[in-house]
Amino acid sequence: MPLAKALELAQEYDLDLVEVAANARPPVCKLMDYGKFKYESAMKAREARKNQAHTVIKEMKLRPKIDPHDYDTKKGHVVRFLKQGDKVKITIMFRGREQSRPELGFRLLQRLAEDVQDLGFIESNPKQDGRNMIMVLGPHKKKTEAMAEAREAQAARKAERQGGTPAEPAEERAEA
């Protein structure tokens, strides 16, 4: 269709003539509301940014001679981080004579990895780095999946507080 006729047609329908494929022979154009198109593409980009997640490395520091209760507390933090979909860097700090017994730190890291193996896996094996021994645990599920589960759980808790189940419509709750 000639350009003049296409522009006339676009003006008649109060739309814009937008070139879709400039390199094609002949060039391909489309009649559309360009402002609405720009708005919808901006909303899609915003939604995509909302759902993307940054990988975060959380750090937990331990000592080789850790008390059982303190170990449980630190393990609880590691479990929470892994459930949120974050990586966890576990550092064991050696001081003084503890440096001559790195196997104590290695055993502690192995024990921790076994305790949380259902939530995460060993991403980098324990290695000695000066006075510290470092190991990185990665979560089994991605950050986006963890965020989605957290949102669903939060919605369920909110619905429960309001006195209904999430599947129950609002009208039925109002009648009750």
Protein backbone atom coordinates (compact mmCIF):
# COMPACT_ATOMS: atom_id res chain seq x y z
CA MET A 1 0.00 0.00 0.00
CA PRO A 2 1.41 3.45 -0.78
CA LEU A 3 2.65 5.53 2.18
CA ALA A 4 0.13 8.34 1.60
CA LYS A 5 -2.81 5.91 1.65
CA ALA A 6 -1.49 4.19 4.82
CA LEU A 7 -1.12 7.56 6.60
CA GLU A 8 -4.65 8.54 5.53
CA LEU A 9 -6.01 5.23 6.84
CA ALA A 10 -4.20 5.69 10.18
CA GLN A 11 -5.59 9.22 10.54
CA GLU A 12 -9.10 7.97 9.75
CA TYR A 13 -8.98 5.39 12.59
CA ASP A 14 -7.13 7.82 14.92
CA LEU A 15 -4.13 5.47 15.17
CA ASP A 16 -0.39 5.73 14.50
CA LEU A 17 1.47 4.18 11.57
CA VAL A 18 4.43 2.34 13.12
CA GLU A 19 7.26 0.79 11.11
CA VAL A 20 7.75 -2.78 12.39
CA ALA A 21 10.41 -4.17 10.03
CA ALA A 22 12.45 -1.49 8.27
CA ASN A 23 14.84 -3.92 6.57
CA ALA A 24 12.11 -5.95 4.86
CA ARG A 25 11.30 -5.30 1.20
CA PRO A 26 8.81 -3.63 1.15
CA PRO A 27 9.04 -2.21 4.73
CA VAL A 28 6.37 -3.57 7.08
CA CYS A 29 4.20 -1.10 9.01
CA LYS A 30 1.41 -1.54 11.52
CA LEU A 31 -1.56 0.57 12.61
CA MET A 32 -1.57 0.90 16.41
CA ASP A 33 -1.95 3.28 19.32
CA TYR A 34 1.75 3.96 19.94
CA GLY A 35 1.24 5.61 23.35
CA LYS A 36 -0.67 2.57 24.62
CA PHE A 37 2.03 0.27 23.20
CA LYS A 38 4.80 2.21 24.99
CA TYR A 39 2.83 2.14 28.27
CA GLU A 40 2.21 -1.63 28.07
CA SER A 41 5.85 -2.39 27.26
CA ALA A 42 6.96 -0.22 30.21
CA MET A 43 4.57 -2.13 32.50
CA LYS A 44 5.95 -5.47 31.27
CA ALA A 45 9.52 -4.30 31.90
CA ARG A 46 8.54 -3.11 35.39
CA GLU A 47 6.93 -6.47 36.19
CA ALA A 48 10.03 -8.31 34.95
CA ARG A 49 12.25 -6.16 37.21
CA LYS A 50 9.96 -6.87 40.15
CA ASN A 51 10.31 -10.63 39.66
CA GLN A 52 14.06 -10.70 39.13
CA ALA A 53 16.27 -11.42 42.10
CA HIS A 54 19.83 -10.51 42.99
CA THR A 55 22.01 -13.32 44.23
CA VAL A 56 23.19 -12.43 47.69
CA ILE A 57 25.94 -14.14 49.64
CA LYS A 58 25.25 -14.15 53.36
CA GLU A 59 28.12 -14.86 55.73
CA MET A 60 28.11 -16.88 58.92
CA LYS A 61 31.19 -16.93 61.16
CA LEU A 62 31.94 -19.80 63.54
CA ARG A 63 34.73 -20.86 65.86
CA PRO A 64 36.08 -24.44 66.10
CA LYS A 65 35.14 -24.76 69.80
CA ILE A 66 31.48 -23.75 69.44
CA ASP A 67 28.91 -24.61 72.09
CA PRO A 68 26.07 -26.94 70.92
CA HIS A 69 23.39 -24.29 71.53
CA ASP A 70 25.38 -21.65 69.65
CA TYR A 71 25.88 -24.12 66.81
CA ASP A 72 22.11 -24.72 66.65
CA THR A 73 21.48 -20.96 66.55
CA LYS A 74 24.00 -20.42 63.74
CA LYS A 75 22.60 -23.44 61.88
CA GLY A 76 19.12 -21.90 62.17
CA HIS A 77 20.41 -18.72 60.51
CA VAL A 78 21.98 -20.77 57.70
CA VAL A 79 18.70 -22.65 57.21
CA ARG A 80 16.78 -19.35 57.03
CA PHE A 81 19.22 -17.93 54.45
CA LEU A 82 19.01 -21.07 52.29
CA LYS A 83 15.19 -21.06 52.47
CA GLN A 84 15.25 -17.46 51.21
CA GLY A 85 17.32 -18.65 48.24
CA ASP A 86 20.58 -16.96 49.27
CA LYS A 87 24.06 -18.45 49.15
CA VAL A 88 25.83 -18.80 52.50
CA LYS A 89 29.56 -18.37 53.05
CA ILE A 90 30.59 -20.10 56.26
CA THR A 91 33.85 -18.95 57.80
CA ILE A 92 35.58 -20.71 60.67
CA MET A 93 38.05 -18.43 62.42
CA PHE A 94 41.09 -20.02 64.06
CA ARG A 95 43.05 -18.27 66.82
CA GLY A 96 46.31 -19.20 68.50
CA ARG A 97 46.78 -22.95 68.92
CA GLU A 98 43.54 -23.68 67.06
CA GLN A 99 45.47 -23.05 63.82
CA SER A 100 47.43 -26.26 64.34
CA ARG A 101 44.15 -28.30 64.32
CA PRO A 102 42.36 -27.41 61.05
CA GLU A 103 40.65 -30.82 61.03
CA LEU A 104 38.34 -29.56 63.83
CA GLY A 105 37.08 -26.80 61.54
CA PHE A 106 36.79 -29.18 58.60
CA ARG A 107 34.66 -31.61 60.65
CA LEU A 108 32.45 -28.75 61.85
CA LEU A 109 31.86 -27.58 58.27
CA GLN A 110 31.07 -31.13 57.13
CA ARG A 111 28.60 -31.55 60.01
CA LEU A 112 26.87 -28.28 59.10
CA ALA A 113 26.70 -29.28 55.42
CA GLU A 114 25.10 -32.63 56.37
CA ASP A 115 22.58 -30.88 58.66
CA VAL A 116 21.34 -28.59 55.88
CA GLN A 117 21.77 -30.90 52.87
CA ASP A 118 18.00 -30.97 52.21
CA LEU A 119 18.02 -27.17 51.67
CA GLY A 120 21.41 -26.61 50.06
CA PHE A 121 24.54 -28.15 48.61
CA ILE A 122 28.26 -27.51 48.96
CA GLU A 123 29.16 -25.07 46.22
CA SER A 124 32.83 -24.78 47.17
CA ASN A 125 34.54 -27.30 49.42
CA PRO A 126 36.19 -26.18 52.67
CA LYS A 127 39.59 -24.62 52.11
CA GLN A 128 42.09 -23.02 54.47
CA ASP A 129 42.76 -19.34 53.84
CA GLY A 130 45.29 -18.08 56.37
CA ARG A 131 43.62 -18.07 59.79
CA ASN A 132 40.21 -18.89 58.30
CA MET A 133 38.58 -21.91 56.70
CA ILE A 134 35.86 -21.07 54.17
CA MET A 135 33.03 -23.07 52.59
CA VAL A 136 30.13 -21.83 50.41
CA LEU A 137 26.68 -23.44 50.45
CA GLY A 138 24.21 -22.85 47.61
CA PRO A 139 20.43 -23.29 47.85
CA HIS A 140 18.62 -26.04 45.92
CA LYS A 141 15.86 -23.64 44.82
CA LYS A 142 16.34 -20.35 43.03
CA LYS A 143 15.81 -16.99 44.67
CA THR A 144 12.75 -16.25 42.51
CA GLU A 145 11.07 -19.52 43.57
CA ALA A 146 11.79 -18.75 47.23
CA MET A 147 10.36 -15.24 46.83
CA ALA A 148 7.19 -16.61 45.20
CA GLU A 149 6.72 -19.15 48.01
CA ALA A 150 7.22 -16.41 50.61
CA ARG A 151 4.58 -14.22 48.90
CA GLU A 152 2.09 -17.12 48.82
CA ALA A 153 2.71 -17.90 52.50
CA GLN A 154 2.26 -14.23 53.39
CA ALA A 155 -1.03 -14.06 51.46
CA ALA A 156 -2.24 -17.21 53.24
CA ARG A 157 -1.35 -15.74 56.65
CA LYS A 158 -3.11 -12.49 55.77
CA ALA A 159 -6.26 -14.34 54.67
CA GLU A 160 -6.16 -16.44 57.85
CA ARG A 161 -5.94 -13.31 60.02
CA GLN A 162 -8.93 -11.83 58.22
CA GLY A 163 -10.99 -14.85 59.23
CA GLY A 164 -11.33 -16.79 56.00
CA THR A 165 -9.46 -19.23 53.87
CA PRO A 166 -7.64 -17.98 50.77
CA ALA A 167 -9.99 -19.94 48.47
CA GLU A 168 -13.16 -18.61 50.14
CA PRO A 169 -14.74 -15.66 48.26
CA ALA A 170 -15.27 -12.38 50.09
CA GLU A 171 -19.08 -12.50 49.64
CA GLU A 172 -19.34 -15.78 51.57
CA ARG A 173 -17.32 -14.34 54.46
CA ALA A 174 -19.57 -11.26 54.56
CA GLU A 175 -22.72 -13.44 54.81
CA ALA A 176 -21.31 -15.60 57.60
